[in-house]
Amino acid sequence: MTIVLHGSDGIIPSSETEFIGSIDCGTTSCRFYIFDQWANVICSHQIEFQQVYPEPGWHEHDASSYIRSIDECIVKVMHRFADLGYERRMLRCVGITNQRETTVVWDRITGKPLCNATTVRALRDRAATVEFSTPDGPVKGEEGVKIITGLPFSTYFTGAKYAWLIENVPAVKAAKMEGNLMVGTVDSWLLYKYTGGPSGGLHLTDLTNASRTLCLSLHTLDWSEELLNFFDIPRSALPDLVSNSEIYGRFAQGHPLAGVPIASLVGDQQAALVGNKCLSRGDAKQTYGTGCFTLFNTSQDIVKSTHGLLTTIAYKAGPDAPVNFALEGAIAVGGSSVQWLRDNLGIIKSAPEASELASQVSDTGGVYFVTGFSGLFAPYWDSHATGMLIGMSGYTTKHHIARATLEATCFQTRAVLEAMAKDTQSVEDGDGNGPAGLKRLAVDGGMTASDVMMQIQADILGIDVDRPKMRESTALGAALLAGAALKLFGWDLATPASLLKVNTAGVRTFEPQISEEEREWKFAGWNRAVKRSMGWQTDSGHG
C-alpha cells in the first residue's frame, strides 16, 4: 500500500482547482490516482487483491474484490486529498483503465457475479469447420476469425472464455436461459457497479476492451453476429459499445464519489499508448513489466499483420471521433527474467542489483540469454522454444549474465519493432532511423528504472528512448481521455500539441552510443541464439 505525493519541488501549486481521478485495475492490484493538469500525481493508493488458482493453469479473481479494493483506495486518497487542502468538488471526473482479457459474468437481477473468471478449453476444432464472412470474402476457420477481429483464435481472449462458461457453469447456463445473463470485461463490470448495479447500472464497454474479445469486427466496429453465434453468446447479454472519451454516467448515490462523472474507459495497454502521448501515425510505446507490450499507432489504417503481431483498436477519442488502430506485440518474459536471477539462481538479492552488476561490464562477453521460459511470443510464436544461455566460457561471470538478461528484453523489443516495420511498409510515413521509421520510443513500466537497460535499449534500436519521471502512463492515459471528455485544460487528443505540457517534468532521453556495425552484429548474434532455442522442447518434455 502506498500513498505518493508529487509536485514541483515537492510542493503542490495552491492555484490548482481542477483535478482528474484515475482507477487502474490490474491483474494483481488496484490503484486510484489524482492528477493535475501537468500530470503531477497529487496522491495515490494501491492495494493488492487475492489471486485464485483452483487448478493448475487456471487463474481466477473474485470480481467483487475489485470493487472492495478500489473503494478502499478511493477512500484513502480522498482523505489525503482533503488533508492537502482540496475539496471533493475539485475532482471533476474519473477515468477507468483495466486488465483487458479477464471475463466477468453476472446476474442481471442480483447484480452479483455468477462465478470467477475461468481459463478455458480450446475451441479450435469447432472453428476449423466454420466458414466466416469477411471483407476478403468467405474464409473458413481460424483465419476467418483473424480477418474479422485482428486476433488469432486463442483461449487467451474473452469470447472463448464466455463460451466455456456458458457451456460448463450451471449458474451461467441458467442465467442465459432465463434471460438474466450479463457478460463483460473488467471495465464494463466496474462501470455497471459504480453507476448503480442492479438499480440502473449502465452496461457499456469501450472499443479497446471490446476489440480483445474475439467478438468485435474491426471493420464494422460492432459485435459480429457470426462470432456471437459461434460462441453462443446472446447479444442481450453483451454491453453496448462506446468511445474511450465521453461522460457515460456518474458514481451512484452512497458512494464516496457520488455524482462525479465517469468519463473514460480504456484497456491498459491502449491507456499507456495515450499516456505516453503516442497519438500520431508511427508513434510507439513499450511497457516493461513482468512481460512487455509494444503498441504502434497506425492511425486510421487497419493493418493486417503477416509477421506475428496483433491488430487492435488503439482508441476512439470521443463519440464523433475517428477510430485509431494499432499493431501490438507481446514479449512473454520481461521483468520476470530479473526475478528468475534473484529467486532461482540467487545471483542477486533484489531487482536493482541486476543493473548494478550489468553496469560493471561493458558487454556480455559474448553471452546471450534467450528467456523462453514459456516459449517465445511475438514475433517468433514458438511454444516449443525454451530458455537458453549460450556463448558462455571460463571468462563469464554473473555480471555478464545479468547484462545478458537485460539485453534479452531489449533484443526482443527490436524484433517486435522490426516486425511492425514489415507490416507497415505500405502505410508508414515516418522518417526516423529506427525500425518502422521510428525517431523515438516512449517507455514506461518497472524495468525502465534501470538507466543501464534504457541505454542498452537505445543502443540496440539506434534511436532515442524517452523516459519520463512520472511513469504511471496507464493511469495517466485514462485521466487524459476523461479530461478531454470534459474539455478540461484545453486537452484534445486530435491535437497532440494541446498536451505538450503534460508529463514533461524530468524526462530523460537515452541516445544511442554504439556504432551501426556493432549494433547489427549484436542483433545478428541474438538471432542466432533464438534459432537454437526454437523447437527445443520435445513431446517427451526434454530437449
Protein backbone atom coordinates (compact mmCIF):
# COMPACT_ATOMS: atom_id res chain seq x y z
CA MET A 1 0.00 0.00 0.00
CA THR A 2 1.40 3.36 -0.94
CA ILE A 3 0.48 7.00 -0.76
CA VAL A 4 2.51 9.12 -3.12
CA LEU A 5 2.74 12.90 -3.24
CA HIS A 6 4.31 14.68 -6.18
CA GLY A 7 4.60 18.29 -7.27
CA SER A 8 7.05 20.90 -8.39
CA ASP A 9 9.93 20.61 -5.92
CA GLY A 10 7.58 18.60 -3.71
CA ILE A 11 5.12 21.50 -3.36
CA ILE A 12 1.61 21.26 -4.78
CA PRO A 13 0.62 24.50 -6.55
CA SER A 14 -2.13 26.09 -4.47
CA SER A 15 -3.74 27.65 -7.54
CA GLU A 16 -4.85 24.29 -8.93
CA THR A 17 -8.62 23.86 -8.59
CA GLU A 18 -9.42 21.10 -11.12
CA PHE A 19 -8.20 17.53 -10.91
CA ILE A 20 -8.87 14.17 -12.54
CA GLY A 21 -9.14 10.76 -10.88
CA SER A 22 -7.97 7.53 -12.46
CA ILE A 23 -8.84 3.94 -11.49
CA ASP A 24 -6.30 1.33 -12.65
CA CYS A 25 -7.50 -2.23 -12.10
CA GLY A 26 -4.63 -4.56 -12.96
CA THR A 27 -4.13 -8.30 -12.72
CA THR A 28 -2.75 -8.30 -9.16
CA SER A 29 -3.68 -4.93 -7.68
CA CYS A 30 -5.96 -1.90 -7.94
CA ARG A 31 -4.87 1.73 -7.74
CA PHE A 32 -6.52 5.14 -7.57
CA TYR A 33 -4.71 8.32 -8.62
CA ILE A 34 -5.50 12.00 -8.66
CA PHE A 35 -3.69 14.03 -11.36
CA ASP A 36 -3.42 17.75 -12.00
CA GLN A 37 -3.26 19.29 -15.48
CA TRP A 38 0.51 18.79 -15.70
CA ALA A 39 0.25 15.05 -14.85
CA ASN A 40 1.62 15.52 -11.37
CA VAL A 41 0.31 12.74 -9.12
CA ILE A 42 -1.28 14.61 -6.22
CA CYS A 43 -1.87 11.39 -4.28
CA SER A 44 -2.40 7.70 -4.96
CA HIS A 45 -3.05 4.43 -3.20
CA GLN A 46 -2.55 0.81 -4.24
CA ILE A 47 -3.96 -2.44 -2.81
CA GLU A 48 -3.27 -5.99 -3.94
CA PHE A 49 -6.22 -8.37 -4.20
CA GLN A 50 -6.42 -12.14 -3.87
CA GLN A 51 -5.35 -14.40 -6.73
CA VAL A 52 -7.31 -17.65 -7.10
CA TYR A 53 -5.72 -20.79 -8.60
CA PRO A 54 -8.33 -23.58 -8.36
CA GLU A 55 -6.44 -25.92 -10.71
CA PRO A 56 -3.03 -25.95 -12.41
CA GLY A 57 -3.07 -23.41 -15.24
CA TRP A 58 -6.29 -21.74 -14.03
CA HIS A 59 -6.11 -18.13 -12.85
CA GLU A 60 -9.22 -16.51 -11.40
CA HIS A 61 -10.36 -13.46 -9.44
CA ASP A 62 -13.41 -12.77 -7.32
CA ALA A 63 -14.83 -9.83 -9.29
CA SER A 64 -16.31 -8.36 -6.11
CA SER A 65 -12.77 -7.93 -4.77
CA TYR A 66 -12.08 -5.36 -7.48
CA ILE A 67 -14.80 -3.10 -6.09
CA ARG A 68 -13.74 -3.56 -2.46
CA SER A 69 -10.08 -2.86 -3.24
CA ILE A 70 -10.74 0.15 -5.45
CA ASP A 71 -13.15 1.67 -2.93
CA GLU A 72 -10.57 1.32 -0.18
CA CYS A 73 -8.05 3.11 -2.41
CA ILE A 74 -10.55 5.87 -3.18
CA VAL A 75 -11.32 6.47 0.50
CA LYS A 76 -7.61 6.65 1.40
CA VAL A 77 -6.81 9.01 -1.46
CA MET A 78 -9.78 11.31 -0.85
CA HIS A 79 -8.78 11.65 2.81
CA ARG A 80 -5.27 12.59 1.73
CA PHE A 81 -6.68 14.97 -0.89
CA ALA A 82 -8.68 16.75 1.82
CA ASP A 83 -5.65 16.85 4.14
CA LEU A 84 -3.80 18.73 1.39
CA GLY A 85 -6.48 21.41 1.50
CA TYR A 86 -8.51 20.42 -1.57
CA GLU A 87 -12.28 19.95 -1.79
CA ARG A 88 -14.07 16.96 -3.31
CA ARG A 89 -15.82 19.18 -5.86
CA MET A 90 -12.40 19.89 -7.40
CA LEU A 91 -12.30 16.26 -8.61
CA ARG A 92 -14.00 16.89 -11.94
CA CYS A 93 -14.17 13.36 -13.34
CA VAL A 94 -12.73 9.85 -13.16
CA GLY A 95 -11.34 7.54 -15.85
CA ILE A 96 -11.09 3.75 -15.68
CA THR A 97 -8.39 1.52 -17.15
CA ASN A 98 -8.15 -2.21 -16.69
CA GLN A 99 -6.62 -5.58 -17.43
CA ARG A 100 -8.16 -6.43 -20.77
CA GLU A 101 -8.92 -10.11 -21.32
CA THR A 102 -10.37 -11.04 -17.91
CA THR A 103 -14.00 -12.13 -18.17
CA VAL A 104 -16.77 -11.22 -15.72
CA VAL A 105 -20.20 -12.88 -15.80
CA TRP A 106 -23.03 -11.70 -13.56
CA ASP A 107 -26.77 -11.86 -12.93
CA ARG A 108 -28.96 -9.04 -14.25
CA ILE A 109 -31.39 -9.29 -11.29
CA THR A 110 -28.99 -9.56 -8.34
CA GLY A 111 -26.00 -7.78 -9.87
CA LYS A 112 -23.72 -10.42 -8.36
CA PRO A 113 -21.01 -12.42 -10.16
CA LEU A 114 -22.13 -15.89 -11.21
CA CYS A 115 -18.62 -17.32 -10.94
CA ASN A 116 -14.97 -16.39 -11.09
CA ALA A 117 -13.34 -15.72 -14.45
CA THR A 118 -12.03 -19.04 -15.76
CA THR A 119 -9.33 -20.29 -18.12
CA VAL A 120 -10.94 -22.29 -20.93
CA ARG A 121 -10.62 -25.35 -23.11
CA ALA A 122 -9.68 -24.97 -26.75
CA LEU A 123 -12.42 -24.49 -29.36
CA ARG A 124 -10.10 -24.75 -32.35
CA ASP A 125 -11.57 -28.00 -33.70
CA ARG A 126 -15.02 -26.41 -33.90
CA ALA A 127 -13.68 -23.24 -35.52
CA ALA A 128 -11.92 -25.17 -38.24
CA THR A 129 -15.25 -26.31 -39.74
CA VAL A 130 -16.96 -22.88 -39.77
CA GLU A 131 -16.92 -20.50 -42.74
CA PHE A 132 -16.98 -16.81 -41.83
CA SER A 133 -17.97 -13.84 -44.00
CA THR A 134 -15.04 -11.41 -44.09
CA PRO A 135 -14.06 -8.30 -46.09
CA ASP A 136 -11.88 -10.72 -48.10
CA GLY A 137 -14.87 -12.95 -48.88
CA PRO A 138 -15.83 -16.27 -47.22
CA VAL A 139 -12.91 -17.68 -45.21
CA LYS A 140 -13.01 -20.90 -43.20
CA GLY A 141 -11.62 -21.47 -39.73
CA GLU A 142 -9.17 -19.51 -37.63
CA GLU A 143 -8.00 -17.30 -40.49
CA GLY A 144 -11.57 -16.05 -40.93
CA VAL A 145 -11.71 -15.10 -37.26
CA LYS A 146 -8.40 -13.23 -37.55
CA ILE A 147 -9.54 -11.23 -40.58
CA ILE A 148 -12.69 -10.12 -38.73
CA THR A 149 -11.16 -9.38 -35.33
CA GLY A 150 -7.43 -8.85 -35.92
CA LEU A 151 -6.71 -11.54 -33.32
CA PRO A 152 -5.53 -15.14 -33.53
CA PHE A 153 -8.07 -17.73 -32.44
CA SER A 154 -6.95 -18.26 -28.84
CA THR A 155 -8.47 -19.05 -25.48
CA TYR A 156 -6.47 -16.07 -24.18
CA PHE A 157 -9.25 -13.79 -25.45
CA THR A 158 -12.59 -13.38 -23.75
CA GLY A 159 -15.00 -14.75 -26.38
CA ALA A 160 -13.73 -18.28 -25.85
CA LYS A 161 -13.99 -17.81 -22.08
CA TYR A 162 -17.62 -16.71 -22.37
CA ALA A 163 -18.38 -19.79 -24.44
CA TRP A 164 -16.73 -22.15 -21.99
CA LEU A 165 -18.52 -20.61 -19.00
CA ILE A 166 -21.90 -20.84 -20.72
CA GLU A 167 -21.32 -24.49 -21.51
CA ASN A 168 -19.76 -25.60 -18.22
CA VAL A 169 -21.03 -23.48 -15.31
CA PRO A 170 -24.65 -24.31 -14.35
CA ALA A 171 -25.35 -20.86 -12.88
CA VAL A 172 -24.21 -19.19 -16.09
CA LYS A 173 -26.22 -21.58 -18.24
CA ALA A 174 -29.34 -20.97 -16.12
CA ALA A 175 -28.96 -17.18 -16.29
CA LYS A 176 -28.67 -17.41 -20.07
CA MET A 177 -31.83 -19.49 -20.36
CA GLU A 178 -33.72 -17.08 -18.08
CA GLY A 179 -32.51 -14.01 -20.00
CA ASN A 180 -30.64 -12.64 -16.96
CA LEU A 181 -27.09 -13.18 -18.16
CA MET A 182 -24.71 -10.22 -18.33
CA VAL A 183 -21.16 -10.65 -19.59
CA GLY A 184 -18.33 -8.19 -19.95
CA THR A 185 -14.73 -7.30 -19.35
CA VAL A 186 -13.49 -5.59 -16.18
CA ASP A 187 -14.29 -2.10 -17.46
CA SER A 188 -17.95 -2.91 -18.06
CA TRP A 189 -18.24 -4.61 -14.65
CA LEU A 190 -16.77 -1.61 -12.83
CA LEU A 191 -18.97 0.88 -14.70
CA TYR A 192 -22.07 -1.23 -14.02
CA LYS A 193 -21.38 -1.43 -10.30
CA TYR A 194 -20.37 2.21 -9.88
CA THR A 195 -23.42 3.57 -11.69
CA GLY A 196 -25.95 1.62 -9.64
CA GLY A 197 -25.58 -2.11 -10.26
CA PRO A 198 -29.00 -3.81 -10.46
CA SER A 199 -30.62 -0.44 -9.71
CA GLY A 200 -30.00 1.20 -13.06
CA GLY A 201 -26.32 0.45 -13.56
CA LEU A 202 -25.01 1.03 -17.09
CA HIS A 203 -23.90 -1.93 -19.21
CA LEU A 204 -21.31 -0.47 -21.58
CA THR A 205 -17.84 -1.31 -22.83
CA ASP A 206 -15.33 0.69 -24.82
CA LEU A 207 -13.92 -0.31 -28.18
CA THR A 208 -10.41 -1.10 -26.92
CA ASN A 209 -11.67 -3.71 -24.48
CA ALA A 210 -14.25 -5.00 -26.96
CA SER A 211 -11.50 -5.46 -29.55
CA ARG A 212 -9.90 -8.09 -27.27
CA THR A 213 -12.97 -10.35 -27.05
CA LEU A 214 -12.84 -12.19 -30.42
CA CYS A 215 -16.40 -10.89 -30.90
CA LEU A 216 -15.87 -7.41 -32.35
CA SER A 217 -15.45 -6.74 -36.05
CA LEU A 218 -12.71 -4.17 -36.65
CA HIS A 219 -14.39 -3.37 -39.96
CA THR A 220 -17.91 -2.59 -38.72
CA LEU A 221 -16.91 -1.53 -35.16
CA ASP A 222 -19.81 -3.62 -33.90
CA TRP A 223 -20.33 -7.06 -32.43
CA SER A 224 -20.03 -9.74 -35.12
CA GLU A 225 -23.26 -11.72 -35.31
CA GLU A 226 -21.38 -14.65 -36.84
CA LEU A 227 -18.95 -14.81 -33.94
CA LEU A 228 -21.68 -14.32 -31.33
CA ASN A 229 -23.49 -17.27 -32.87
CA PHE A 230 -20.29 -19.29 -32.98
CA PHE A 231 -19.58 -18.67 -29.29
CA ASP A 232 -23.30 -18.95 -28.42
CA ILE A 233 -23.32 -15.55 -26.69
CA PRO A 234 -26.72 -13.78 -26.66
CA ARG A 235 -26.47 -10.19 -27.87
CA SER A 236 -28.70 -9.11 -24.97
CA ALA A 237 -26.00 -10.23 -22.52
CA LEU A 238 -23.30 -8.05 -24.02
CA PRO A 239 -22.64 -4.38 -23.22
CA ASP A 240 -23.32 -1.59 -25.68
CA LEU A 241 -20.24 -0.12 -27.37
CA VAL A 242 -18.93 3.37 -26.58
CA SER A 243 -15.89 5.52 -27.26
CA ASN A 244 -12.96 5.92 -24.86
CA SER A 245 -13.73 9.54 -24.01
CA GLU A 246 -17.25 10.64 -23.05
CA ILE A 247 -19.39 11.01 -19.95
CA TYR A 248 -21.10 7.63 -19.56
CA GLY A 249 -22.69 8.26 -16.18
CA ARG A 250 -21.90 9.21 -12.61
CA PHE A 251 -21.00 7.40 -9.41
CA ALA A 252 -24.23 6.33 -7.71
CA GLN A 253 -25.58 7.79 -4.51
CA GLY A 254 -23.98 6.38 -1.39
CA HIS A 255 -20.54 6.07 -2.96
CA PRO A 256 -17.69 8.29 -1.69
CA LEU A 257 -17.55 9.82 -5.19
CA ALA A 258 -21.32 10.10 -5.67
CA GLY A 259 -22.17 12.40 -8.55
CA VAL A 260 -18.65 12.52 -10.04
CA PRO A 261 -18.73 11.76 -13.80
CA ILE A 262 -17.07 8.62 -15.16
CA ALA A 263 -15.63 9.85 -18.44
CA SER A 264 -13.23 7.27 -19.84
CA LEU A 265 -12.96 3.51 -20.24
CA VAL A 266 -9.82 2.07 -21.85
CA GLY A 267 -7.78 -1.14 -21.84
CA ASP A 268 -4.48 -0.90 -20.00
CA GLN A 269 -2.05 -1.13 -22.92
CA GLN A 270 -4.03 1.33 -25.02
CA ALA A 271 -4.18 3.64 -21.99
CA ALA A 272 -0.38 3.52 -21.82
CA LEU A 273 -0.22 4.44 -25.51
CA VAL A 274 -2.33 7.54 -24.80
CA GLY A 275 -0.48 8.25 -21.55
CA ASN A 276 2.79 8.31 -23.48
CA LYS A 277 1.15 10.74 -25.94
CA CYS A 278 1.67 8.38 -28.89
CA LEU A 279 -1.17 10.00 -30.80
CA SER A 280 0.18 10.18 -34.36
CA ARG A 281 0.81 7.58 -37.03
CA GLY A 282 4.13 5.86 -36.37
CA ASP A 283 4.33 6.66 -32.66
CA ALA A 284 5.14 3.67 -30.46
CA LYS A 285 5.42 2.85 -26.79
CA GLN A 286 6.87 -0.05 -24.86
CA THR A 287 5.64 -1.06 -21.41
CA TYR A 288 8.26 -3.07 -19.47
CA GLY A 289 6.50 -5.13 -16.83
CA THR A 290 6.60 -8.81 -15.87
CA GLY A 291 6.01 -9.22 -19.59
CA CYS A 292 6.34 -6.42 -22.14
CA PHE A 293 3.88 -4.88 -24.58
CA THR A 294 4.68 -2.77 -27.63
CA LEU A 295 1.94 -0.75 -29.35
CA PHE A 296 2.46 1.06 -32.66
CA ASN A 297 -0.10 3.66 -33.75
CA THR A 298 -1.28 3.04 -37.35
CA SER A 299 -3.75 5.93 -37.27
CA GLN A 300 -6.99 5.08 -39.11
CA ASP A 301 -5.48 2.16 -41.04
CA ILE A 302 -6.35 -1.42 -40.14
CA VAL A 303 -3.02 -3.13 -40.79
CA LYS A 304 -3.26 -6.90 -41.18
CA SER A 305 -0.14 -8.42 -39.66
CA THR A 306 1.71 -11.13 -41.52
CA HIS A 307 4.62 -11.10 -39.05
CA GLY A 308 3.17 -12.40 -35.81
CA LEU A 309 1.54 -9.25 -34.41
CA LEU A 310 -1.99 -8.43 -33.30
CA THR A 311 -4.19 -5.81 -34.94
CA THR A 312 -6.21 -3.91 -32.36
CA ILE A 313 -8.08 -0.69 -31.69
CA ALA A 314 -5.83 2.00 -30.18
CA TYR A 315 -8.52 4.47 -29.08
CA LYS A 316 -11.58 6.45 -30.12
CA ALA A 317 -11.29 9.89 -28.53
CA GLY A 318 -14.99 10.72 -28.37
CA PRO A 319 -18.36 9.62 -29.80
CA ASP A 320 -17.79 11.51 -33.07
CA ALA A 321 -14.03 10.99 -33.29
CA PRO A 322 -12.42 8.58 -35.77
CA VAL A 323 -11.02 5.28 -34.55
CA ASN A 324 -7.25 4.91 -34.35
CA PHE A 325 -5.83 1.42 -34.74
CA ALA A 326 -2.56 -0.16 -33.62
CA LEU A 327 -0.29 -3.14 -34.03
CA GLU A 328 0.61 -4.90 -30.79
CA GLY A 329 3.45 -7.23 -29.91
CA ALA A 330 3.79 -9.08 -26.62
CA ILE A 331 7.02 -10.34 -25.01
CA ALA A 332 6.26 -13.11 -22.53
CA VAL A 333 9.26 -12.61 -20.24
CA GLY A 334 10.49 -9.15 -19.26
CA GLY A 335 10.89 -8.23 -15.62
CA SER A 336 10.23 -11.84 -14.65
CA SER A 337 13.67 -12.75 -16.05
CA VAL A 338 15.27 -10.50 -13.43
CA GLN A 339 13.12 -12.16 -10.78
CA TRP A 340 14.45 -15.50 -12.05
CA LEU A 341 18.02 -14.34 -11.46
CA ARG A 342 17.01 -13.48 -7.89
CA ASP A 343 14.69 -16.36 -6.97
CA ASN A 344 16.08 -19.28 -9.00
CA LEU A 345 19.78 -18.59 -9.47
CA GLY A 346 20.30 -16.47 -6.37
CA ILE A 347 22.94 -14.28 -8.03
CA ILE A 348 21.15 -11.08 -6.97
CA LYS A 349 19.20 -10.21 -3.83
CA SER A 350 16.99 -7.51 -5.38
CA ALA A 351 15.95 -6.45 -8.88
CA PRO A 352 18.06 -3.24 -8.91
CA GLU A 353 21.16 -5.34 -8.26
CA ALA A 354 20.90 -6.76 -11.79
CA SER A 355 21.53 -3.29 -13.18
CA GLU A 356 24.39 -2.72 -10.76
CA LEU A 357 26.10 -5.92 -11.92
CA ALA A 358 25.43 -5.14 -15.58
CA SER A 359 26.94 -1.66 -15.22
CA GLN A 360 30.27 -3.14 -14.12
CA VAL A 361 30.99 -4.72 -17.52
CA SER A 362 30.96 -3.06 -20.94
CA ASP A 363 29.34 -6.02 -22.70
CA THR A 364 28.16 -9.59 -22.09
CA GLY A 365 31.40 -11.25 -23.12
CA GLY A 366 29.55 -12.95 -25.97
CA VAL A 367 26.76 -14.33 -23.76
CA TYR A 368 23.14 -14.32 -24.97
CA PHE A 369 20.17 -15.26 -22.79
CA VAL A 370 17.03 -16.30 -24.69
CA THR A 371 14.35 -16.01 -21.98
CA GLY A 372 11.92 -18.51 -23.49
CA PHE A 373 10.66 -19.88 -20.17
CA SER A 374 7.16 -20.43 -21.61
CA GLY A 375 8.03 -20.41 -25.28
CA LEU A 376 8.54 -17.27 -27.33
CA PHE A 377 5.79 -14.75 -28.14
CA ALA A 378 5.85 -12.04 -30.83
CA PRO A 379 7.20 -12.14 -33.39
CA TYR A 380 8.51 -15.71 -33.11
CA TRP A 381 5.44 -17.54 -31.73
CA ASP A 382 7.17 -20.81 -30.88
CA SER A 383 5.59 -22.64 -27.95
CA HIS A 384 8.38 -25.26 -28.13
CA ALA A 385 11.19 -22.76 -27.62
CA THR A 386 12.92 -22.87 -24.24
CA GLY A 387 15.18 -20.65 -22.21
CA MET A 388 18.81 -20.78 -23.26
CA LEU A 389 22.08 -19.25 -22.03
CA ILE A 390 24.65 -19.55 -24.80
CA GLY A 391 28.11 -18.16 -25.51
CA MET A 392 29.49 -18.80 -22.02
CA SER A 393 33.14 -19.53 -21.36
CA GLY A 394 35.52 -19.61 -18.44
CA TYR A 395 35.58 -15.82 -18.70
CA THR A 396 31.83 -15.50 -17.99
CA THR A 397 30.77 -14.02 -14.65
CA LYS A 398 27.47 -13.17 -13.02
CA HIS A 399 27.98 -9.62 -14.30
CA HIS A 400 27.83 -10.85 -17.90
CA ILE A 401 24.75 -12.97 -17.19
CA ALA A 402 22.99 -10.01 -15.56
CA ARG A 403 23.75 -7.81 -18.57
CA ALA A 404 22.61 -10.55 -20.98
CA THR A 405 19.34 -10.75 -19.05
CA LEU A 406 18.65 -7.05 -19.57
CA GLU A 407 19.73 -7.26 -23.20
CA ALA A 408 17.25 -10.09 -23.86
CA THR A 409 14.24 -7.83 -23.40
CA CYS A 410 15.88 -5.11 -25.50
CA PHE A 411 16.63 -7.50 -28.36
CA GLN A 412 13.05 -8.82 -28.33
CA THR A 413 11.76 -5.24 -28.40
CA ARG A 414 13.77 -4.63 -31.56
CA ALA A 415 12.44 -7.85 -33.10
CA VAL A 416 8.86 -6.74 -32.44
CA LEU A 417 9.51 -3.28 -33.88
CA GLU A 418 11.12 -4.78 -36.98
CA ALA A 419 8.01 -6.95 -37.46
CA MET A 420 5.96 -3.77 -37.18
CA ALA A 421 8.19 -2.16 -39.82
CA LYS A 422 7.49 -5.02 -42.24
CA ASP A 423 3.74 -4.88 -41.57
CA THR A 424 3.51 -1.11 -42.01
CA GLN A 425 5.67 -0.58 -45.10
CA SER A 426 2.61 0.38 -47.19
CA VAL A 427 1.30 2.97 -44.71
CA GLU A 428 4.42 4.16 -42.91
CA ASP A 429 5.42 7.76 -43.40
CA GLY A 430 7.96 8.06 -40.59
CA ASP A 431 11.44 9.28 -41.41
CA GLY A 432 13.33 8.20 -38.32
CA ASN A 433 16.35 5.91 -38.21
CA GLY A 434 14.75 3.15 -36.18
CA PRO A 435 12.54 0.21 -37.13
CA ALA A 436 9.24 1.28 -38.76
CA GLY A 437 10.61 4.78 -39.26
CA LEU A 438 10.68 5.46 -35.54
CA LYS A 439 12.51 8.52 -34.26
CA ARG A 440 11.91 7.77 -30.58
CA LEU A 441 10.44 5.10 -28.33
CA ALA A 442 8.31 6.15 -25.35
CA VAL A 443 8.72 3.81 -22.38
CA ASP A 444 7.08 3.05 -19.06
CA GLY A 445 6.92 0.22 -16.55
CA GLY A 446 9.08 -1.09 -13.72
CA MET A 447 12.15 -2.11 -15.73
CA THR A 448 12.60 1.45 -17.02
CA ALA A 449 14.01 2.42 -13.61
CA SER A 450 17.28 0.90 -14.83
CA ASP A 451 19.45 3.51 -16.56
CA VAL A 452 21.69 0.71 -17.80
CA MET A 453 18.82 -1.08 -19.50
CA MET A 454 17.43 2.07 -21.10
CA GLN A 455 20.87 2.85 -22.54
CA ILE A 456 21.13 -0.71 -23.87
CA GLN A 457 17.69 -0.31 -25.45
CA ALA A 458 18.69 2.92 -27.20
CA ASP A 459 21.89 1.27 -28.45
CA ILE A 460 20.11 -1.80 -29.82
CA LEU A 461 17.38 0.22 -31.54
CA GLY A 462 19.58 3.04 -32.80
CA ILE A 463 17.04 5.68 -31.74
CA ASP A 464 16.31 7.84 -28.71
CA VAL A 465 14.45 6.31 -25.78
CA ASP A 466 12.37 8.80 -23.78
CA ARG A 467 11.67 8.02 -20.12
CA PRO A 468 9.52 10.43 -18.09
CA LYS A 469 9.94 10.88 -14.35
CA MET A 470 6.25 10.06 -13.81
CA ARG A 471 5.88 6.62 -15.39
CA GLU A 472 2.32 5.71 -14.39
CA SER A 473 1.36 6.02 -18.05
CA THR A 474 -1.59 3.64 -17.90
CA ALA A 475 -3.39 5.64 -15.23
CA LEU A 476 -2.42 8.88 -16.96
CA GLY A 477 -3.89 7.70 -20.26
CA ALA A 478 -7.27 7.10 -18.61
CA ALA A 479 -7.03 10.55 -16.99
CA LEU A 480 -6.21 12.26 -20.31
CA LEU A 481 -9.20 10.63 -22.01
CA ALA A 482 -11.50 11.58 -19.14
CA GLY A 483 -10.25 15.16 -19.01
CA ALA A 484 -10.64 15.54 -22.77
CA ALA A 485 -14.27 14.37 -22.49
CA LEU A 486 -14.97 17.37 -20.23
CA LYS A 487 -12.74 19.64 -22.35
CA LEU A 488 -10.56 20.35 -19.32
CA PHE A 489 -7.26 22.21 -19.68
CA GLY A 490 -7.70 22.51 -23.45
CA TRP A 491 -6.84 18.81 -23.90
CA ASP A 492 -7.74 17.43 -27.31
CA LEU A 493 -6.29 14.10 -28.48
CA ALA A 494 -6.87 15.12 -32.09
CA THR A 495 -4.41 17.96 -31.47
CA PRO A 496 -1.32 16.45 -29.79
CA ALA A 497 0.11 19.94 -29.31
CA SER A 498 -2.61 20.54 -26.69
CA LEU A 499 -0.77 18.02 -24.48
CA LEU A 500 2.73 19.41 -24.91
CA LYS A 501 2.99 20.49 -21.27
CA VAL A 502 1.65 17.20 -19.89
CA ASN A 503 4.20 14.97 -18.09
CA THR A 504 7.27 16.84 -19.26
CA ALA A 505 8.94 17.12 -15.85
CA GLY A 506 12.11 15.09 -15.53
CA VAL A 507 12.01 13.44 -18.97
CA ARG A 508 15.35 11.76 -19.66
CA THR A 509 16.37 10.87 -23.19
CA PHE A 510 18.80 7.99 -23.76
CA GLU A 511 20.68 8.37 -27.06
CA PRO A 512 22.46 5.57 -28.96
CA GLN A 513 26.17 5.38 -28.13
CA ILE A 514 27.40 2.46 -30.23
CA SER A 515 28.15 2.23 -33.94
CA GLU A 516 25.76 0.83 -36.53
CA GLU A 517 28.22 -2.01 -37.18
CA GLU A 518 28.29 -3.04 -33.51
CA ARG A 519 24.50 -2.76 -33.26
CA GLU A 520 23.97 -5.10 -36.18
CA TRP A 521 26.43 -7.81 -35.18
CA LYS A 522 25.00 -7.86 -31.66
CA PHE A 523 21.49 -8.33 -33.07
CA ALA A 524 22.73 -10.97 -35.51
CA GLY A 525 24.15 -12.89 -32.53
CA TRP A 526 20.80 -12.64 -30.77
CA ASN A 527 19.00 -14.07 -33.81
CA ARG A 528 21.46 -16.98 -33.94
CA ALA A 529 20.73 -17.72 -30.28
CA VAL A 530 16.98 -17.55 -30.84
CA LYS A 531 17.19 -20.06 -33.69
CA ARG A 532 18.99 -22.52 -31.42
CA SER A 533 16.31 -22.21 -28.72
CA MET A 534 13.36 -22.66 -31.08
CA GLY A 535 11.76 -26.11 -31.20
CA TRP A 536 13.96 -27.34 -28.36
CA GLN A 537 11.09 -28.68 -26.25
CA THR A 538 10.00 -32.15 -27.41
CA ASP A 539 6.89 -34.15 -26.60
CA SER A 540 8.90 -36.04 -24.01
CA GLY A 541 9.44 -32.79 -22.14
CA HIS A 542 13.19 -32.94 -22.75
CA GLY A 543 15.46 -31.42 -25.38
